[in-house]
Amino acid sequence: MSDENILELERISLKFGNIQALSDVSIHFMRGQITALIGPNGAGKTSVLNCINGFYKPNYGRIVFDGKDLTGRKPYQIVKCGIARTFQNIELYTGLSTLDNLMAARHMLMRRGAIAGGIFFGPGRREELEHRIEVEEIIDFMELQEIRKKIVGSLPYGQRKRVDLARALCTEPKILLMDEPMAGMNVEEKEDMARFILDIHELKGIAIVMVEHDMDVVMDIASRVIVLDFGIKISEGIPDDIKMDPNVIRAYLGEEQ
């Protein structure tokens, strides 16, 4: 693995019955970059994310993160290595507050056992307070102060997307996978989300891999773009080159008859 690469997919193939979701896909994601993963519906974008964080196990190939082979590891093990994930369909604890959702993400970083945590005295209490300080910093960073004690299920969609992103940050990732972060948002909410993504990248130094259909957002904030079509990587480069690539235009618009 190159020193510039934080994550590499080596010849990944994934099949569901007779459906070939990914075919011999090799991708590298670099430190210090926002990489957009784009393509028409069914191109295999979310399948790539699911392979990276252990939801799917590739039929063939290898996934290497920061020098470690992650192939076949379970999702909770992959999170501990430093890979976090947000979801297109928001996966929050809707009956809990914003604060409790973020504290739940810190569980994997806690060292004390269930008994110490349950008694909530001495070492167990001190550890939880230390994690609470970290969570409060994320709440401030993501501008969630006004909703910190509100039940997540009662929040507007845009705020829930922001809580989902904040929860991913609470795992202290080295790389952040984002699946359709702008989906279902209005223009103002998209602008806010784009600002937070840029702040996470620039101020926290976290590499970001973003699956996104909004091409205006992709062209504005991505350092590099990778294009999939029918489970095959068809193009890779800077945004200006990608939007002029005939293979990409063909994948989105089809060929003239």
C-alpha atoms as a PDB file:
ATOM      1  CA  MET A   1       0.000   0.000   0.000  1.00  0.00           C
ATOM      2  CA  SER A   2       1.266   3.475  -0.908  1.00  0.00           C
ATOM      3  CA  ASP A   3       1.845   5.923   1.953  1.00  0.00           C
ATOM      4  CA  GLU A   4      -0.699   8.200   0.270  1.00  0.00           C
ATOM      5  CA  ASN A   5      -3.395   5.519   0.259  1.00  0.00           C
ATOM      6  CA  ILE A   6      -5.438   4.835   3.364  1.00  0.00           C
ATOM      7  CA  LEU A   7      -7.803   2.242   1.858  1.00  0.00           C
ATOM      8  CA  GLU A   8      -7.428  -0.104  -1.107  1.00  0.00           C
ATOM      9  CA  LEU A   9      -9.862  -2.482  -2.764  1.00  0.00           C
ATOM     10  CA  GLU A  10      -8.010  -5.108  -4.778  1.00  0.00           C
ATOM     11  CA  ARG A  11      -9.987  -6.877  -7.526  1.00  0.00           C
ATOM     12  CA  ILE A  12     -13.229  -7.055  -5.539  1.00  0.00           C
ATOM     13  CA  SER A  13     -15.996  -9.211  -6.990  1.00  0.00           C
ATOM     14  CA  LEU A  14     -19.436  -9.669  -5.438  1.00  0.00           C
ATOM     15  CA  LYS A  15     -22.256 -11.877  -6.683  1.00  0.00           C
ATOM     16  CA  PHE A  16     -25.841 -12.436  -5.510  1.00  0.00           C
ATOM     17  CA  GLY A  17     -27.079 -15.623  -7.189  1.00  0.00           C
ATOM     18  CA  ASN A  18     -26.882 -14.845 -10.905  1.00  0.00           C
ATOM     19  CA  ILE A  19     -26.462 -11.103 -10.332  1.00  0.00           C
ATOM     20  CA  GLN A  20     -22.908  -9.805 -10.608  1.00  0.00           C
ATOM     21  CA  ALA A  21     -22.949  -6.721  -8.356  1.00  0.00           C
ATOM     22  CA  LEU A  22     -19.214  -5.975  -8.611  1.00  0.00           C
ATOM     23  CA  SER A  23     -16.732  -7.279 -11.166  1.00  0.00           C
ATOM     24  CA  ASP A  24     -12.992  -7.137 -10.509  1.00  0.00           C
ATOM     25  CA  VAL A  25     -13.167  -3.643  -8.981  1.00  0.00           C
ATOM     26  CA  SER A  26      -9.865  -2.112  -7.844  1.00  0.00           C
ATOM     27  CA  ILE A  27     -10.011   1.284  -6.122  1.00  0.00           C
ATOM     28  CA  HIS A  28      -7.666   3.212  -3.869  1.00  0.00           C
ATOM     29  CA  PHE A  29      -8.775   5.972  -1.528  1.00  0.00           C
ATOM     30  CA  MET A  30      -6.193   8.547  -0.532  1.00  0.00           C
ATOM     31  CA  ARG A  31      -5.506  10.280   2.753  1.00  0.00           C
ATOM     32  CA  GLY A  32      -6.629  13.861   2.881  1.00  0.00           C
ATOM     33  CA  GLN A  33      -9.122  13.580   0.025  1.00  0.00           C
ATOM     34  CA  ILE A  34     -12.867  13.704  -0.492  1.00  0.00           C
ATOM     35  CA  THR A  35     -13.548  10.945  -3.018  1.00  0.00           C
ATOM     36  CA  ALA A  36     -16.945  10.735  -4.705  1.00  0.00           C
ATOM     37  CA  LEU A  37     -18.244   7.372  -5.895  1.00  0.00           C
ATOM     38  CA  ILE A  38     -20.852   7.917  -8.600  1.00  0.00           C
ATOM     39  CA  GLY A  39     -22.770   6.002 -11.242  1.00  0.00           C
ATOM     40  CA  PRO A  40     -26.316   5.250 -12.416  1.00  0.00           C
ATOM     41  CA  ASN A  41     -28.756   3.377 -10.172  1.00  0.00           C
ATOM     42  CA  GLY A  42     -27.640  -0.225  -9.724  1.00  0.00           C
ATOM     43  CA  ALA A  43     -24.014   0.553 -10.589  1.00  0.00           C
ATOM     44  CA  GLY A  44     -22.723  -1.050  -7.367  1.00  0.00           C
ATOM     45  CA  LYS A  45     -21.864   2.049  -5.330  1.00  0.00           C
ATOM     46  CA  THR A  46     -23.526   1.025  -2.069  1.00  0.00           C
ATOM     47  CA  SER A  47     -22.239  -2.521  -2.565  1.00  0.00           C
ATOM     48  CA  VAL A  48     -18.696  -1.106  -2.457  1.00  0.00           C
ATOM     49  CA  LEU A  49     -19.428   0.595   0.879  1.00  0.00           C
ATOM     50  CA  ASN A  50     -21.065  -2.565   2.231  1.00  0.00           C
ATOM     51  CA  CYS A  51     -17.982  -4.607   1.330  1.00  0.00           C
ATOM     52  CA  ILE A  52     -15.684  -2.089   3.002  1.00  0.00           C
ATOM     53  CA  ASN A  53     -17.533  -2.066   6.317  1.00  0.00           C
ATOM     54  CA  GLY A  54     -18.232  -5.771   6.441  1.00  0.00           C
ATOM     55  CA  PHE A  55     -21.959  -5.904   5.645  1.00  0.00           C
ATOM     56  CA  TYR A  56     -21.115  -7.920   2.527  1.00  0.00           C
ATOM     57  CA  LYS A  57     -18.287 -10.395   2.129  1.00  0.00           C
ATOM     58  CA  PRO A  58     -16.742 -10.251  -1.363  1.00  0.00           C
ATOM     59  CA  ASN A  59     -16.592 -13.491  -3.332  1.00  0.00           C
ATOM     60  CA  TYR A  60     -13.125 -12.531  -4.467  1.00  0.00           C
ATOM     61  CA  GLY A  61     -10.538  -9.863  -3.735  1.00  0.00           C
ATOM     62  CA  ARG A  62      -8.982  -8.100  -0.794  1.00  0.00           C
ATOM     63  CA  ILE A  63      -9.653  -4.935   1.246  1.00  0.00           C
ATOM     64  CA  VAL A  64      -6.647  -3.298   2.917  1.00  0.00           C
ATOM     65  CA  PHE A  65      -7.002  -0.400   5.340  1.00  0.00           C
ATOM     66  CA  ASP A  66      -3.996   1.413   6.803  1.00  0.00           C
ATOM     67  CA  GLY A  67      -1.855  -1.667   6.160  1.00  0.00           C
ATOM     68  CA  LYS A  68      -4.361  -4.144   7.657  1.00  0.00           C
ATOM     69  CA  ASP A  69      -6.248  -6.766   5.668  1.00  0.00           C
ATOM     70  CA  LEU A  70      -9.924  -6.270   6.573  1.00  0.00           C
ATOM     71  CA  THR A  71     -11.333  -8.931   4.259  1.00  0.00           C
ATOM     72  CA  GLY A  72     -13.875 -11.053   6.122  1.00  0.00           C
ATOM     73  CA  ARG A  73     -13.831  -9.005   9.342  1.00  0.00           C
ATOM     74  CA  LYS A  74     -17.101  -8.222  11.095  1.00  0.00           C
ATOM     75  CA  PRO A  75     -18.590  -4.695  11.010  1.00  0.00           C
ATOM     76  CA  TYR A  76     -17.824  -3.918  14.680  1.00  0.00           C
ATOM     77  CA  GLN A  77     -14.187  -4.928  14.150  1.00  0.00           C
ATOM     78  CA  ILE A  78     -13.941  -2.659  11.126  1.00  0.00           C
ATOM     79  CA  VAL A  79     -15.369   0.303  13.048  1.00  0.00           C
ATOM     80  CA  LYS A  80     -12.715  -0.227  15.715  1.00  0.00           C
ATOM     81  CA  CYS A  81     -10.029  -0.027  13.016  1.00  0.00           C
ATOM     82  CA  GLY A  82     -11.203   3.493  12.135  1.00  0.00           C
ATOM     83  CA  ILE A  83     -13.882   3.228   9.416  1.00  0.00           C
ATOM     84  CA  ALA A  84     -17.229   4.924  10.124  1.00  0.00           C
ATOM     85  CA  ARG A  85     -20.406   4.960   8.049  1.00  0.00           C
ATOM     86  CA  THR A  86     -23.532   7.035   7.519  1.00  0.00           C
ATOM     87  CA  PHE A  87     -26.585   5.608   5.768  1.00  0.00           C
ATOM     88  CA  GLN A  88     -28.967   6.709   3.035  1.00  0.00           C
ATOM     89  CA  ASN A  89     -31.872   5.395   5.118  1.00  0.00           C
ATOM     90  CA  ILE A  90     -31.064   6.934   8.477  1.00  0.00           C
ATOM     91  CA  GLU A  91     -30.295   4.221  11.043  1.00  0.00           C
ATOM     92  CA  LEU A  92     -30.700   6.005  14.391  1.00  0.00           C
ATOM     93  CA  TYR A  93     -32.277   5.004  17.709  1.00  0.00           C
ATOM     94  CA  THR A  94     -35.452   6.984  17.136  1.00  0.00           C
ATOM     95  CA  GLY A  95     -36.702   6.608  20.717  1.00  0.00           C
ATOM     96  CA  LEU A  96     -33.537   8.094  22.230  1.00  0.00           C
ATOM     97  CA  SER A  97     -32.296  11.666  22.430  1.00  0.00           C
ATOM     98  CA  THR A  98     -29.582  13.116  20.209  1.00  0.00           C
ATOM     99  CA  LEU A  99     -27.161  12.943  23.144  1.00  0.00           C
ATOM    100  CA  ASP A 100     -27.951   9.290  23.864  1.00  0.00           C
ATOM    101  CA  ASN A 101     -27.515   8.360  20.196  1.00  0.00           C
ATOM    102  CA  LEU A 102     -24.060   9.904  20.190  1.00  0.00           C
ATOM    103  CA  MET A 103     -23.105   8.304  23.508  1.00  0.00           C
ATOM    104  CA  ALA A 104     -24.149   4.917  22.094  1.00  0.00           C
ATOM    105  CA  ALA A 105     -21.507   5.356  19.377  1.00  0.00           C
ATOM    106  CA  ARG A 106     -18.817   5.726  22.056  1.00  0.00           C
ATOM    107  CA  HIS A 107     -19.598   2.280  23.491  1.00  0.00           C
ATOM    108  CA  MET A 108     -16.970   0.591  21.313  1.00  0.00           C
ATOM    109  CA  LEU A 109     -14.305   2.923  22.757  1.00  0.00           C
ATOM    110  CA  MET A 110     -15.163   2.230  26.395  1.00  0.00           C
ATOM    111  CA  ARG A 111     -12.874  -0.069  28.385  1.00  0.00           C
ATOM    112  CA  ARG A 112     -14.903  -0.687  31.544  1.00  0.00           C
ATOM    113  CA  GLY A 113     -17.251  -3.658  31.684  1.00  0.00           C
ATOM    114  CA  ALA A 114     -21.032  -3.776  32.083  1.00  0.00           C
ATOM    115  CA  ILE A 115     -20.871  -4.079  35.876  1.00  0.00           C
ATOM    116  CA  ALA A 116     -18.729  -0.941  36.311  1.00  0.00           C
ATOM    117  CA  GLY A 117     -20.973   0.931  33.890  1.00  0.00           C
ATOM    118  CA  GLY A 118     -24.126  -0.230  35.645  1.00  0.00           C
ATOM    119  CA  ILE A 119     -22.940   0.777  39.105  1.00  0.00           C
ATOM    120  CA  PHE A 120     -21.928   4.185  37.701  1.00  0.00           C
ATOM    121  CA  PHE A 121     -19.426   4.885  40.446  1.00  0.00           C
ATOM    122  CA  GLY A 122     -15.675   5.339  40.528  1.00  0.00           C
ATOM    123  CA  PRO A 123     -13.844   4.217  37.335  1.00  0.00           C
ATOM    124  CA  GLY A 124     -17.051   3.533  35.405  1.00  0.00           C
ATOM    125  CA  ARG A 125     -18.442   6.989  36.125  1.00  0.00           C
ATOM    126  CA  ARG A 126     -15.154   8.711  35.300  1.00  0.00           C
ATOM    127  CA  GLU A 127     -14.902   6.915  31.975  1.00  0.00           C
ATOM    128  CA  GLU A 128     -18.440   7.863  30.969  1.00  0.00           C
ATOM    129  CA  LEU A 129     -17.809  11.497  31.865  1.00  0.00           C
ATOM    130  CA  GLU A 130     -14.662  11.489  29.715  1.00  0.00           C
ATOM    131  CA  HIS A 131     -16.662  10.206  26.761  1.00  0.00           C
ATOM    132  CA  ARG A 132     -19.426  12.719  27.484  1.00  0.00           C
ATOM    133  CA  ILE A 133     -16.875  15.533  27.060  1.00  0.00           C
ATOM    134  CA  GLU A 134     -15.925  14.171  23.618  1.00  0.00           C
ATOM    135  CA  VAL A 135     -19.587  13.899  22.627  1.00  0.00           C
ATOM    136  CA  GLU A 136     -20.289  17.471  23.719  1.00  0.00           C
ATOM    137  CA  GLU A 137     -17.458  18.656  21.466  1.00  0.00           C
ATOM    138  CA  ILE A 138     -19.061  16.857  18.510  1.00  0.00           C
ATOM    139  CA  ILE A 139     -22.439  18.406  19.399  1.00  0.00           C
ATOM    140  CA  ASP A 140     -20.842  21.858  19.262  1.00  0.00           C
ATOM    141  CA  PHE A 141     -18.966  21.052  16.043  1.00  0.00           C
ATOM    142  CA  MET A 142     -22.126  19.853  14.301  1.00  0.00           C
ATOM    143  CA  GLU A 143     -24.250  22.685  15.754  1.00  0.00           C
ATOM    144  CA  LEU A 144     -26.657  20.337  17.526  1.00  0.00           C
ATOM    145  CA  GLN A 145     -26.893  22.243  20.825  1.00  0.00           C
ATOM    146  CA  GLU A 146     -30.590  23.060  20.481  1.00  0.00           C
ATOM    147  CA  ILE A 147     -31.609  19.446  19.848  1.00  0.00           C
ATOM    148  CA  ARG A 148     -29.171  17.656  22.163  1.00  0.00           C
ATOM    149  CA  LYS A 149     -31.961  16.461  24.505  1.00  0.00           C
ATOM    150  CA  LYS A 150     -34.698  16.056  21.897  1.00  0.00           C
ATOM    151  CA  ILE A 151     -35.947  12.614  20.872  1.00  0.00           C
ATOM    152  CA  VAL A 152     -34.448  11.831  17.474  1.00  0.00           C
ATOM    153  CA  GLY A 153     -37.689  10.415  16.070  1.00  0.00           C
ATOM    154  CA  SER A 154     -39.345  13.828  16.502  1.00  0.00           C
ATOM    155  CA  LEU A 155     -36.684  15.739  14.550  1.00  0.00           C
ATOM    156  CA  PRO A 156     -36.998  16.993  10.954  1.00  0.00           C
ATOM    157  CA  TYR A 157     -35.275  14.890   8.309  1.00  0.00           C
ATOM    158  CA  GLY A 158     -32.364  17.268   7.766  1.00  0.00           C
ATOM    159  CA  GLN A 159     -31.498  17.353  11.459  1.00  0.00           C
ATOM    160  CA  ARG A 160     -31.649  13.567  11.700  1.00  0.00           C
ATOM    161  CA  LYS A 161     -29.145  13.330   8.834  1.00  0.00           C
ATOM    162  CA  ARG A 162     -26.866  15.635  10.805  1.00  0.00           C
ATOM    163  CA  VAL A 163     -27.232  13.495  13.945  1.00  0.00           C
ATOM    164  CA  ASP A 164     -26.357  10.429  11.858  1.00  0.00           C
ATOM    165  CA  LEU A 165     -23.172  12.155  10.700  1.00  0.00           C
ATOM    166  CA  ALA A 166     -22.343  13.290  14.246  1.00  0.00           C
ATOM    167  CA  ARG A 167     -22.752   9.733  15.516  1.00  0.00           C
ATOM    168  CA  ALA A 168     -20.258   8.483  12.922  1.00  0.00           C
ATOM    169  CA  LEU A 169     -17.772  11.127  14.077  1.00  0.00           C
ATOM    170  CA  CYS A 170     -18.138   9.920  17.657  1.00  0.00           C
ATOM    171  CA  THR A 171     -16.351   6.677  16.710  1.00  0.00           C
ATOM    172  CA  GLU A 172     -13.197   8.730  15.954  1.00  0.00           C
ATOM    173  CA  PRO A 173     -12.776   7.496  12.358  1.00  0.00           C
ATOM    174  CA  LYS A 174      -9.767   7.824  10.092  1.00  0.00           C
ATOM    175  CA  ILE A 175     -12.038   7.516   7.060  1.00  0.00           C
ATOM    176  CA  LEU A 176     -15.748   8.259   6.756  1.00  0.00           C
ATOM    177  CA  LEU A 177     -18.064   6.457   4.319  1.00  0.00           C
ATOM    178  CA  MET A 178     -21.173   8.471   3.416  1.00  0.00           C
ATOM    179  CA  ASP A 179     -24.057   6.929   1.484  1.00  0.00           C
ATOM    180  CA  GLU A 180     -26.204   9.597  -0.214  1.00  0.00           C
ATOM    181  CA  PRO A 181     -25.634  12.356   2.394  1.00  0.00           C
ATOM    182  CA  MET A 182     -27.751  14.826   0.373  1.00  0.00           C
ATOM    183  CA  ALA A 183     -30.668  12.475  -0.394  1.00  0.00           C
ATOM    184  CA  GLY A 184     -34.086  13.951   0.400  1.00  0.00           C
ATOM    185  CA  MET A 185     -32.748  17.369   1.420  1.00  0.00           C
ATOM    186  CA  ASN A 186     -33.800  20.821   0.277  1.00  0.00           C
ATOM    187  CA  VAL A 187     -31.274  23.338  -1.061  1.00  0.00           C
ATOM    188  CA  GLU A 188     -30.561  24.963   2.314  1.00  0.00           C
ATOM    189  CA  GLU A 189     -30.054  21.591   4.028  1.00  0.00           C
ATOM    190  CA  LYS A 190     -27.697  20.478   1.237  1.00  0.00           C
ATOM    191  CA  GLU A 191     -25.621  23.630   1.662  1.00  0.00           C
ATOM    192  CA  ASP A 192     -25.347  22.983   5.404  1.00  0.00           C
ATOM    193  CA  MET A 193     -24.379  19.339   4.881  1.00  0.00           C
ATOM    194  CA  ALA A 194     -21.744  20.279   2.287  1.00  0.00           C
ATOM    195  CA  ARG A 195     -20.282  22.788   4.743  1.00  0.00           C
ATOM    196  CA  PHE A 196     -20.077  20.160   7.490  1.00  0.00           C
ATOM    197  CA  ILE A 197     -18.433  17.648   5.137  1.00  0.00           C
ATOM    198  CA  LEU A 198     -15.796  20.208   4.166  1.00  0.00           C
ATOM    199  CA  ASP A 199     -15.214  21.138   7.824  1.00  0.00           C
ATOM    200  CA  ILE A 200     -14.797  17.473   8.799  1.00  0.00           C
ATOM    201  CA  HIS A 201     -12.291  17.021   5.996  1.00  0.00           C
ATOM    202  CA  GLU A 202     -10.326  20.228   6.581  1.00  0.00           C
ATOM    203  CA  LEU A 203     -10.478  20.650  10.373  1.00  0.00           C
ATOM    204  CA  LYS A 204     -10.418  17.019  11.489  1.00  0.00           C
ATOM    205  CA  GLY A 205      -8.288  15.621   8.666  1.00  0.00           C
ATOM    206  CA  ILE A 206     -10.639  12.715   7.985  1.00  0.00           C
ATOM    207  CA  ALA A 207     -10.643  11.111   4.533  1.00  0.00           C
ATOM    208  CA  ILE A 208     -14.162  10.917   3.088  1.00  0.00           C
ATOM    209  CA  VAL A 209     -15.717   8.524   0.582  1.00  0.00           C
ATOM    210  CA  MET A 210     -19.073   9.828  -0.600  1.00  0.00           C
ATOM    211  CA  VAL A 211     -21.704   8.051  -2.693  1.00  0.00           C
ATOM    212  CA  GLU A 212     -23.807  10.836  -4.149  1.00  0.00           C
ATOM    213  CA  HIS A 213     -26.254  11.455  -7.030  1.00  0.00           C
ATOM    214  CA  ASP A 214     -26.230  15.253  -6.828  1.00  0.00           C
ATOM    215  CA  MET A 215     -23.615  16.097  -9.448  1.00  0.00           C
ATOM    216  CA  ASP A 216     -23.459  19.771  -8.465  1.00  0.00           C
ATOM    217  CA  VAL A 217     -22.375  18.750  -4.966  1.00  0.00           C
ATOM    218  CA  VAL A 218     -19.890  16.192  -6.317  1.00  0.00           C
ATOM    219  CA  MET A 219     -18.274  18.690  -8.679  1.00  0.00           C
ATOM    220  CA  ASP A 220     -18.081  21.352  -5.958  1.00  0.00           C
ATOM    221  CA  ILE A 221     -16.530  19.431  -3.067  1.00  0.00           C
ATOM    222  CA  ALA A 222     -14.891  16.210  -4.334  1.00  0.00           C
ATOM    223  CA  SER A 223     -11.136  16.043  -4.894  1.00  0.00           C
ATOM    224  CA  ARG A 224     -11.469  12.901  -7.009  1.00  0.00           C
ATOM    225  CA  VAL A 225     -14.329  11.031  -8.646  1.00  0.00           C
ATOM    226  CA  ILE A 226     -14.663   7.298  -9.330  1.00  0.00           C
ATOM    227  CA  VAL A 227     -17.409   6.106 -11.678  1.00  0.00           C
ATOM    228  CA  LEU A 228     -19.050   2.674 -11.631  1.00  0.00           C
ATOM    229  CA  ASP A 229     -21.458   1.192 -14.150  1.00  0.00           C
ATOM    230  CA  PHE A 230     -22.968  -2.297 -13.871  1.00  0.00           C
ATOM    231  CA  GLY A 231     -20.430  -3.190 -11.170  1.00  0.00           C
ATOM    232  CA  ILE A 232     -17.397  -2.168 -13.237  1.00  0.00           C
ATOM    233  CA  LYS A 233     -15.135   0.844 -12.705  1.00  0.00           C
ATOM    234  CA  ILE A 234     -15.310   2.823 -15.947  1.00  0.00           C
ATOM    235  CA  SER A 235     -13.546   6.065 -15.051  1.00  0.00           C
ATOM    236  CA  GLU A 236     -11.496   7.835 -12.388  1.00  0.00           C
ATOM    237  CA  GLY A 237     -10.066  11.339 -12.120  1.00  0.00           C
ATOM    238  CA  ILE A 238     -10.632  14.932 -11.096  1.00  0.00           C
ATOM    239  CA  PRO A 239     -14.204  16.291 -11.439  1.00  0.00           C
ATOM    240  CA  ASP A 240     -13.522  18.415 -14.532  1.00  0.00           C
ATOM    241  CA  ASP A 241     -12.139  15.418 -16.423  1.00  0.00           C
ATOM    242  CA  ILE A 242     -14.920  13.077 -15.318  1.00  0.00           C
ATOM    243  CA  LYS A 243     -17.767  15.260 -16.567  1.00  0.00           C
ATOM    244  CA  MET A 244     -16.195  15.303 -20.047  1.00  0.00           C
ATOM    245  CA  ASP A 245     -15.394  11.572 -20.179  1.00  0.00           C
ATOM    246  CA  PRO A 246     -17.395   9.927 -23.015  1.00  0.00           C
ATOM    247  CA  ASN A 247     -17.644   6.661 -21.045  1.00  0.00           C
ATOM    248  CA  VAL A 248     -19.311   8.511 -18.171  1.00  0.00           C
ATOM    249  CA  ILE A 249     -21.660  10.413 -20.485  1.00  0.00           C
ATOM    250  CA  ARG A 250     -22.594   7.143 -22.158  1.00  0.00           C
ATOM    251  CA  ALA A 251     -23.293   5.434 -18.827  1.00  0.00           C
ATOM    252  CA  TYR A 252     -25.660   8.190 -17.724  1.00  0.00           C
ATOM    253  CA  LEU A 253     -27.302   9.107 -21.023  1.00  0.00           C
ATOM    254  CA  GLY A 254     -26.948   5.977 -23.145  1.00  0.00           C
ATOM    255  CA  GLU A 255     -25.719   5.761 -26.727  1.00  0.00           C
ATOM    256  CA  GLU A 256     -27.395   7.326 -29.712  1.00  0.00           C
ATOM    257  CA  GLN A 257     -29.335   4.884 -31.818  1.00  0.00           C
END
